[in-house]
Amino acid sequence: MVYDKANELAKLLKESDEFREYKTTKEKAFENDTTASLIKEYHKLQLAAQAAMVSGKKDDETMQRLQKIGELLQLNQDASAFLFAEYRLNRVVSDIYKIIAEAIDVDLGALEE
């Protein structure tokens, strides 16, 4: 029964405005190889920056590259639209996770800060 509800939730997410916008903007942004490469690099740098923060290390070079690529992507309408849609979808998924975690009394730790 739990898995049936999880599959139902996944179906609802796929039908959501946030997911449809994410999918549409991703297809548009990734039509251009340069934009696609920049977005992929941006995501890699985001993960590296998060890993550095978690481990307590400060990586100024990664942060500078992340900022520069972020500025480039903001100037690109398709990339900017995709990143915003991605943020909105991630926010929905995060909110759902928090609702579930609170319902089963799971300590969210760092997510609540």
N, C-alpha and C. Protein backbone atom coordinates (compact mmCIF):
# COMPACT_ATOMS: atom_id res chain seq x y z
N MET A 1 0.82 -1.19 0.00
CA MET A 1 0.00 0.00 0.00
C MET A 1 0.87 1.27 0.00
N VAL A 2 1.94 1.28 0.78
CA VAL A 2 2.81 2.45 0.83
C VAL A 2 3.42 2.71 -0.54
N TYR A 3 3.84 1.64 -1.21
CA TYR A 3 4.45 1.80 -2.52
C TYR A 3 3.43 2.27 -3.56
N ASP A 4 2.20 1.82 -3.40
CA ASP A 4 1.14 2.30 -4.30
C ASP A 4 0.95 3.81 -4.14
N LYS A 5 0.96 4.28 -2.92
CA LYS A 5 0.81 5.72 -2.66
C LYS A 5 2.02 6.49 -3.17
N ALA A 6 3.21 5.90 -3.02
CA ALA A 6 4.42 6.55 -3.53
C ALA A 6 4.35 6.68 -5.05
N ASN A 7 3.88 5.63 -5.71
CA ASN A 7 3.72 5.69 -7.17
C ASN A 7 2.66 6.70 -7.57
N GLU A 8 1.61 6.79 -6.78
CA GLU A 8 0.56 7.78 -7.04
C GLU A 8 1.13 9.20 -6.89
N LEU A 9 1.93 9.41 -5.86
CA LEU A 9 2.57 10.71 -5.66
C LEU A 9 3.51 11.03 -6.82
N ALA A 10 4.27 10.05 -7.27
CA ALA A 10 5.18 10.26 -8.40
C ALA A 10 4.39 10.67 -9.64
N LYS A 11 3.26 10.03 -9.85
CA LYS A 11 2.40 10.37 -11.00
C LYS A 11 1.89 11.81 -10.87
N LEU A 12 1.47 12.18 -9.67
CA LEU A 12 1.00 13.55 -9.45
C LEU A 12 2.11 14.57 -9.68
N LEU A 13 3.32 14.24 -9.25
CA LEU A 13 4.45 15.14 -9.50
C LEU A 13 4.69 15.31 -10.99
N LYS A 14 4.62 14.21 -11.74
CA LYS A 14 4.84 14.29 -13.19
C LYS A 14 3.77 15.13 -13.88
N GLU A 15 2.59 15.21 -13.27
CA GLU A 15 1.50 15.99 -13.84
C GLU A 15 1.48 17.43 -13.34
N SER A 16 2.37 17.76 -12.42
CA SER A 16 2.36 19.09 -11.81
C SER A 16 2.88 20.16 -12.77
N ASP A 17 2.45 21.38 -12.52
CA ASP A 17 2.95 22.52 -13.30
C ASP A 17 4.46 22.65 -13.17
N GLU A 18 4.96 22.41 -11.96
CA GLU A 18 6.40 22.54 -11.72
C GLU A 18 7.20 21.56 -12.57
N PHE A 19 6.72 20.32 -12.66
CA PHE A 19 7.45 19.33 -13.46
C PHE A 19 7.34 19.64 -14.95
N ARG A 20 6.14 20.01 -15.39
CA ARG A 20 5.97 20.32 -16.82
C ARG A 20 6.87 21.49 -17.23
N GLU A 21 6.94 22.51 -16.38
CA GLU A 21 7.79 23.66 -16.66
C GLU A 21 9.27 23.24 -16.67
N TYR A 22 9.64 22.41 -15.71
CA TYR A 22 11.01 21.89 -15.64
C TYR A 22 11.38 21.15 -16.93
N LYS A 23 10.50 20.25 -17.34
CA LYS A 23 10.77 19.44 -18.53
C LYS A 23 10.88 20.31 -19.78
N THR A 24 9.95 21.23 -19.94
CA THR A 24 9.94 22.12 -21.11
C THR A 24 11.18 22.99 -21.16
N THR A 25 11.52 23.60 -20.03
CA THR A 25 12.68 24.50 -20.02
C THR A 25 13.99 23.73 -20.15
N LYS A 26 14.03 22.52 -19.63
CA LYS A 26 15.25 21.70 -19.77
C LYS A 26 15.48 21.36 -21.24
N GLU A 27 14.43 20.91 -21.92
CA GLU A 27 14.57 20.58 -23.34
C GLU A 27 15.07 21.78 -24.13
N LYS A 28 14.51 22.94 -23.85
CA LYS A 28 14.90 24.16 -24.57
C LYS A 28 16.35 24.54 -24.26
N ALA A 29 16.73 24.52 -22.99
CA ALA A 29 18.09 24.91 -22.60
C ALA A 29 19.13 23.94 -23.15
N PHE A 30 18.80 22.66 -23.19
CA PHE A 30 19.78 21.65 -23.60
C PHE A 30 19.84 21.47 -25.12
N GLU A 31 19.05 22.24 -25.86
CA GLU A 31 19.18 22.23 -27.33
C GLU A 31 20.53 22.79 -27.75
N ASN A 32 21.04 23.73 -26.98
CA ASN A 32 22.32 24.36 -27.28
C ASN A 32 23.42 23.63 -26.49
N ASP A 33 24.40 23.08 -27.20
CA ASP A 33 25.46 22.29 -26.56
C ASP A 33 26.27 23.10 -25.55
N THR A 34 26.54 24.35 -25.87
CA THR A 34 27.32 25.20 -24.96
C THR A 34 26.55 25.44 -23.67
N THR A 35 25.28 25.76 -23.81
CA THR A 35 24.44 25.99 -22.63
C THR A 35 24.34 24.71 -21.81
N ALA A 36 24.15 23.59 -22.47
CA ALA A 36 24.07 22.30 -21.77
C ALA A 36 25.35 22.03 -20.99
N SER A 37 26.49 22.28 -21.61
CA SER A 37 27.77 22.06 -20.94
C SER A 37 27.93 22.97 -19.72
N LEU A 38 27.54 24.22 -19.87
CA LEU A 38 27.63 25.16 -18.75
C LEU A 38 26.72 24.75 -17.59
N ILE A 39 25.53 24.30 -17.91
CA ILE A 39 24.60 23.86 -16.87
C ILE A 39 25.16 22.63 -16.15
N LYS A 40 25.70 21.69 -16.91
CA LYS A 40 26.29 20.49 -16.29
C LYS A 40 27.47 20.87 -15.40
N GLU A 41 28.31 21.77 -15.86
CA GLU A 41 29.45 22.22 -15.06
C GLU A 41 28.97 22.94 -13.81
N TYR A 42 27.94 23.75 -13.96
CA TYR A 42 27.36 24.47 -12.82
C TYR A 42 26.87 23.48 -11.75
N HIS A 43 26.18 22.43 -12.20
CA HIS A 43 25.69 21.42 -11.26
C HIS A 43 26.85 20.71 -10.56
N LYS A 44 27.89 20.37 -11.30
CA LYS A 44 29.06 19.72 -10.69
C LYS A 44 29.70 20.62 -9.64
N LEU A 45 29.83 21.89 -9.98
CA LEU A 45 30.42 22.84 -9.04
C LEU A 45 29.54 23.03 -7.80
N GLN A 46 28.23 23.01 -7.99
CA GLN A 46 27.32 23.11 -6.85
C GLN A 46 27.55 21.95 -5.88
N LEU A 47 27.66 20.74 -6.44
CA LEU A 47 27.89 19.56 -5.60
C LEU A 47 29.23 19.66 -4.88
N ALA A 48 30.26 20.10 -5.61
CA ALA A 48 31.59 20.24 -5.01
C ALA A 48 31.56 21.27 -3.88
N ALA A 49 30.87 22.37 -4.10
CA ALA A 49 30.77 23.42 -3.07
C ALA A 49 30.02 22.91 -1.85
N GLN A 50 28.94 22.16 -2.07
CA GLN A 50 28.18 21.60 -0.95
C GLN A 50 29.02 20.59 -0.17
N ALA A 51 29.77 19.76 -0.89
CA ALA A 51 30.64 18.77 -0.24
C ALA A 51 31.70 19.47 0.60
N ALA A 52 32.26 20.55 0.07
CA ALA A 52 33.27 21.31 0.80
C ALA A 52 32.68 21.91 2.07
N MET A 53 31.47 22.43 1.96
CA MET A 53 30.82 23.03 3.13
C MET A 53 30.56 21.98 4.21
N VAL A 54 30.07 20.81 3.79
CA VAL A 54 29.77 19.74 4.74
C VAL A 54 31.03 19.27 5.45
N SER A 55 32.13 19.20 4.70
CA SER A 55 33.38 18.72 5.29
C SER A 55 34.13 19.83 6.04
N GLY A 56 33.60 21.04 5.99
CA GLY A 56 34.22 22.15 6.70
C GLY A 56 35.38 22.79 5.98
N LYS A 57 35.57 22.43 4.73
CA LYS A 57 36.66 23.01 3.94
C LYS A 57 36.12 24.17 3.11
N LYS A 58 36.92 25.18 2.96
CA LYS A 58 36.53 26.33 2.14
C LYS A 58 37.30 26.24 0.82
N ASP A 59 36.55 26.20 -0.27
CA ASP A 59 37.18 26.08 -1.59
C ASP A 59 36.85 27.34 -2.39
N ASP A 60 37.69 28.35 -2.26
CA ASP A 60 37.45 29.63 -2.91
C ASP A 60 37.44 29.51 -4.43
N GLU A 61 38.31 28.68 -4.98
CA GLU A 61 38.37 28.52 -6.44
C GLU A 61 37.06 27.97 -6.98
N THR A 62 36.53 26.95 -6.33
CA THR A 62 35.25 26.38 -6.76
C THR A 62 34.14 27.41 -6.65
N MET A 63 34.13 28.16 -5.57
CA MET A 63 33.09 29.18 -5.37
C MET A 63 33.17 30.27 -6.43
N GLN A 64 34.38 30.68 -6.79
CA GLN A 64 34.55 31.70 -7.83
C GLN A 64 34.08 31.18 -9.18
N ARG A 65 34.43 29.94 -9.51
CA ARG A 65 33.98 29.36 -10.78
C ARG A 65 32.47 29.21 -10.79
N LEU A 66 31.92 28.78 -9.67
CA LEU A 66 30.47 28.64 -9.56
C LEU A 66 29.79 29.98 -9.79
N GLN A 67 30.30 31.02 -9.19
CA GLN A 67 29.72 32.35 -9.34
C GLN A 67 29.83 32.83 -10.79
N LYS A 68 30.98 32.65 -11.41
CA LYS A 68 31.17 33.11 -12.79
C LYS A 68 30.24 32.38 -13.76
N ILE A 69 30.15 31.06 -13.61
CA ILE A 69 29.26 30.30 -14.50
C ILE A 69 27.81 30.67 -14.21
N GLY A 70 27.47 30.88 -12.95
CA GLY A 70 26.12 31.31 -12.60
C GLY A 70 25.75 32.63 -13.25
N GLU A 71 26.71 33.55 -13.27
CA GLU A 71 26.47 34.84 -13.92
C GLU A 71 26.26 34.68 -15.42
N LEU A 72 27.05 33.81 -16.04
CA LEU A 72 26.87 33.54 -17.48
C LEU A 72 25.50 32.94 -17.75
N LEU A 73 25.10 32.00 -16.92
CA LEU A 73 23.81 31.33 -17.13
C LEU A 73 22.64 32.28 -16.92
N GLN A 74 22.79 33.24 -16.02
CA GLN A 74 21.72 34.22 -15.80
C GLN A 74 21.48 35.08 -17.03
N LEU A 75 22.52 35.28 -17.81
CA LEU A 75 22.40 36.10 -19.02
C LEU A 75 21.72 35.35 -20.16
N ASN A 76 21.66 34.02 -20.04
CA ASN A 76 21.04 33.18 -21.06
C ASN A 76 19.60 32.89 -20.62
N GLN A 77 18.65 33.40 -21.40
CA GLN A 77 17.24 33.28 -21.02
C GLN A 77 16.80 31.83 -20.84
N ASP A 78 17.21 30.94 -21.75
CA ASP A 78 16.81 29.54 -21.65
C ASP A 78 17.41 28.86 -20.42
N ALA A 79 18.69 29.13 -20.17
CA ALA A 79 19.36 28.54 -19.01
C ALA A 79 18.75 29.08 -17.72
N SER A 80 18.51 30.35 -17.68
CA SER A 80 17.94 30.98 -16.49
C SER A 80 16.55 30.42 -16.20
N ALA A 81 15.74 30.26 -17.23
CA ALA A 81 14.39 29.71 -17.07
C ALA A 81 14.47 28.28 -16.55
N PHE A 82 15.40 27.50 -17.11
CA PHE A 82 15.57 26.12 -16.66
C PHE A 82 15.99 26.06 -15.19
N LEU A 83 16.99 26.84 -14.81
CA LEU A 83 17.48 26.81 -13.44
C LEU A 83 16.39 27.23 -12.45
N PHE A 84 15.57 28.19 -12.84
CA PHE A 84 14.47 28.61 -11.97
C PHE A 84 13.43 27.50 -11.86
N ALA A 85 13.10 26.86 -12.98
CA ALA A 85 12.14 25.76 -12.97
C ALA A 85 12.68 24.58 -12.15
N GLU A 86 13.96 24.34 -12.28
CA GLU A 86 14.60 23.27 -11.51
C GLU A 86 14.51 23.57 -10.01
N TYR A 87 14.76 24.81 -9.65
CA TYR A 87 14.65 25.23 -8.25
C TYR A 87 13.23 25.01 -7.73
N ARG A 88 12.24 25.42 -8.51
CA ARG A 88 10.84 25.27 -8.09
C ARG A 88 10.48 23.80 -7.89
N LEU A 89 10.91 22.93 -8.81
CA LEU A 89 10.61 21.51 -8.68
C LEU A 89 11.33 20.92 -7.46
N ASN A 90 12.58 21.28 -7.28
CA ASN A 90 13.32 20.80 -6.11
C ASN A 90 12.67 21.26 -4.81
N ARG A 91 12.13 22.45 -4.83
CA ARG A 91 11.45 22.98 -3.64
C ARG A 91 10.21 22.14 -3.31
N VAL A 92 9.45 21.77 -4.32
CA VAL A 92 8.26 20.93 -4.11
C VAL A 92 8.68 19.58 -3.52
N VAL A 93 9.69 18.96 -4.11
CA VAL A 93 10.16 17.66 -3.63
C VAL A 93 10.67 17.78 -2.20
N SER A 94 11.40 18.83 -1.91
CA SER A 94 11.91 19.05 -0.56
C SER A 94 10.77 19.25 0.44
N ASP A 95 9.77 20.01 0.05
CA ASP A 95 8.61 20.22 0.93
C ASP A 95 7.89 18.90 1.21
N ILE A 96 7.76 18.06 0.18
CA ILE A 96 7.12 16.75 0.36
C ILE A 96 7.94 15.89 1.31
N TYR A 97 9.25 15.90 1.13
CA TYR A 97 10.11 15.13 2.03
C TYR A 97 9.94 15.60 3.48
N LYS A 98 9.89 16.90 3.68
CA LYS A 98 9.72 17.44 5.04
C LYS A 98 8.38 17.01 5.64
N ILE A 99 7.33 17.03 4.85
CA ILE A 99 6.01 16.61 5.32
C ILE A 99 6.06 15.15 5.76
N ILE A 100 6.67 14.30 4.95
CA ILE A 100 6.78 12.88 5.28
C ILE A 100 7.64 12.68 6.52
N ALA A 101 8.78 13.35 6.56
CA ALA A 101 9.70 13.21 7.69
C ALA A 101 9.03 13.64 9.00
N GLU A 102 8.29 14.73 8.96
CA GLU A 102 7.60 15.20 10.16
C GLU A 102 6.50 14.22 10.58
N ALA A 103 5.82 13.63 9.60
CA ALA A 103 4.73 12.70 9.91
C ALA A 103 5.25 11.43 10.60
N ILE A 104 6.46 11.02 10.26
CA ILE A 104 7.01 9.81 10.89
C ILE A 104 8.07 10.15 11.93
N ASP A 105 8.15 11.43 12.30
CA ASP A 105 9.04 11.91 13.36
C ASP A 105 10.51 11.59 13.09
N VAL A 106 10.96 11.95 11.90
CA VAL A 106 12.36 11.79 11.53
C VAL A 106 13.06 13.12 11.75
N ASP A 107 14.24 13.08 12.37
CA ASP A 107 15.02 14.30 12.61
C ASP A 107 15.58 14.80 11.29
N LEU A 108 15.20 16.01 10.90
CA LEU A 108 15.65 16.58 9.64
C LEU A 108 17.03 17.19 9.73
N GLY A 109 17.49 17.46 10.93
CA GLY A 109 18.84 17.98 11.12
C GLY A 109 19.14 19.19 10.29
N ALA A 110 20.09 19.06 9.37
CA ALA A 110 20.59 20.19 8.57
C ALA A 110 19.53 20.78 7.65
N LEU A 111 18.51 20.03 7.29
CA LEU A 111 17.49 20.56 6.39
C LEU A 111 16.68 21.68 7.02
N GLU A 112 16.61 21.70 8.34
CA GLU A 112 15.80 22.71 9.02
C GLU A 112 16.55 24.01 9.25
N GLU A 113 17.86 24.02 9.09
CA GLU A 113 18.66 25.22 9.38
C GLU A 113 18.52 26.28 8.35
